[in-house]
Amino acid sequence: MSDEIKNPNTEEDQPDLMTLEDEDGNEITFEVIDALDYKGVHYLAAVEYAEIEEEAENAQLVILSVGEDDEGEYLDVVDDDELLLELGKLFEERLSDEYDIEE
């Protein structure tokens, strides 16, 4: 018998978290729940992170584009209505098996 203890929480079970700063300087932690490439741009689907499941049920999806400049990668909130609708449909199709999605 081995003395090695297996951790049941593998890296796959851990949420992909990132902390962003809003326009007022407040830090907000988001969980990245999906990512895709669309028309040559990489996008992330994220929700505000909640450790309590009841709080997570009402989370709103935020779609971020990933860009790069001389200083490295950066994130921008997608606010173009037409693009947001297109991406929202794509993410909804991809995530509908895992999440209850309400429009």
Protein backbone atom coordinates (compact mmCIF):
# COMPACT_ATOMS: atom_id res chain seq x y z
CA MET A 1 0.00 0.00 0.00
CA SER A 2 1.28 3.47 -0.86
CA ASP A 3 1.69 6.27 1.68
CA GLU A 4 0.81 8.80 -1.02
CA ILE A 5 -2.38 10.76 -0.37
CA LYS A 6 -4.43 11.56 -3.42
CA ASN A 7 -6.07 14.98 -3.56
CA PRO A 8 -9.63 14.57 -4.88
CA ASN A 9 -9.64 18.21 -6.03
CA THR A 10 -7.65 18.08 -9.23
CA GLU A 11 -6.69 21.14 -11.19
CA GLU A 12 -9.64 20.47 -13.51
CA ASP A 13 -12.01 20.96 -10.55
CA GLN A 14 -10.58 24.35 -9.65
CA PRO A 15 -12.31 27.40 -11.13
CA ASP A 16 -10.35 29.59 -13.54
CA LEU A 17 -10.41 32.89 -11.63
CA MET A 18 -9.20 36.36 -12.55
CA THR A 19 -9.52 39.64 -10.70
CA LEU A 20 -10.38 42.75 -12.68
CA GLU A 21 -10.75 46.37 -11.68
CA ASP A 22 -13.92 48.26 -12.59
CA GLU A 23 -14.11 51.93 -13.61
CA ASP A 24 -14.39 52.94 -9.92
CA GLY A 25 -11.25 51.04 -8.92
CA ASN A 26 -13.12 48.18 -7.21
CA GLU A 27 -11.63 44.72 -7.65
CA ILE A 28 -14.07 42.02 -8.81
CA THR A 29 -13.21 38.34 -9.14
CA PHE A 30 -14.57 36.55 -12.18
CA GLU A 31 -14.67 32.90 -13.13
CA VAL A 32 -13.87 32.15 -16.77
CA ILE A 33 -16.40 29.53 -17.85
CA ASP A 34 -15.60 29.28 -21.56
CA ALA A 35 -13.44 30.69 -24.34
CA LEU A 36 -13.64 30.74 -28.11
CA ASP A 37 -12.13 32.31 -31.20
CA TYR A 38 -14.50 34.25 -33.45
CA LYS A 39 -13.52 36.19 -36.56
CA GLY A 40 -9.85 36.13 -35.56
CA VAL A 41 -10.35 37.40 -32.00
CA HIS A 42 -10.16 35.36 -28.77
CA TYR A 43 -13.12 35.85 -26.39
CA LEU A 44 -13.75 34.78 -22.81
CA ALA A 45 -17.11 34.14 -21.17
CA ALA A 46 -16.97 35.01 -17.47
CA VAL A 47 -19.30 35.38 -14.52
CA GLU A 48 -18.71 37.12 -11.22
CA TYR A 49 -17.27 34.47 -8.92
CA ALA A 50 -19.46 33.27 -6.07
CA GLU A 51 -18.46 30.58 -3.60
CA ILE A 52 -22.09 30.03 -2.61
CA GLU A 53 -24.14 28.23 -5.27
CA GLU A 54 -27.30 30.30 -4.64
CA GLU A 55 -25.39 33.49 -5.44
CA ALA A 56 -23.97 31.94 -8.61
CA GLU A 57 -27.44 31.11 -9.94
CA ASN A 58 -28.15 34.75 -10.78
CA ALA A 59 -24.77 35.51 -12.30
CA GLN A 60 -24.69 37.57 -15.46
CA LEU A 61 -22.43 36.62 -18.32
CA VAL A 62 -19.66 39.05 -19.23
CA ILE A 63 -17.93 38.61 -22.58
CA LEU A 64 -14.37 39.87 -22.84
CA SER A 65 -12.11 40.15 -25.87
CA VAL A 66 -8.44 39.35 -25.48
CA GLY A 67 -6.10 41.76 -27.22
CA GLU A 68 -2.38 42.30 -27.30
CA ASP A 69 -0.22 45.39 -27.50
CA ASP A 70 3.43 46.29 -26.78
CA GLU A 71 2.86 45.76 -23.05
CA GLY A 72 1.29 42.31 -23.41
CA GLU A 73 -2.23 40.91 -23.29
CA TYR A 74 -5.23 42.93 -22.13
CA LEU A 75 -8.98 42.36 -21.76
CA ASP A 76 -11.80 44.54 -23.05
CA VAL A 77 -15.49 44.18 -22.25
CA VAL A 78 -17.45 43.61 -25.45
CA ASP A 79 -20.06 46.35 -25.65
CA ASP A 80 -20.98 46.32 -29.34
CA ASP A 81 -24.63 45.17 -29.30
CA GLU A 82 -24.51 43.23 -32.57
CA LEU A 83 -21.27 41.44 -31.69
CA LEU A 84 -22.53 40.78 -28.17
CA LEU A 85 -25.65 39.11 -29.58
CA GLU A 86 -23.61 36.93 -31.96
CA LEU A 87 -21.16 35.88 -29.24
CA GLY A 88 -23.95 35.39 -26.72
CA LYS A 89 -25.64 32.88 -29.02
CA LEU A 90 -22.38 31.00 -29.58
CA PHE A 91 -21.58 30.81 -25.87
CA GLU A 92 -25.19 29.85 -25.08
CA GLU A 93 -24.98 26.88 -27.47
CA ARG A 94 -21.68 25.79 -25.93
CA LEU A 95 -22.74 26.24 -22.29
CA SER A 96 -26.40 25.18 -22.34
CA ASP A 97 -25.63 21.61 -21.22
CA GLU A 98 -23.78 22.80 -18.10
CA TYR A 99 -25.76 25.90 -17.08
CA ASP A 100 -29.37 27.07 -16.88
CA ILE A 101 -29.32 30.03 -19.23
CA GLU A 102 -32.07 32.62 -19.16
CA GLU A 103 -32.31 35.41 -21.68
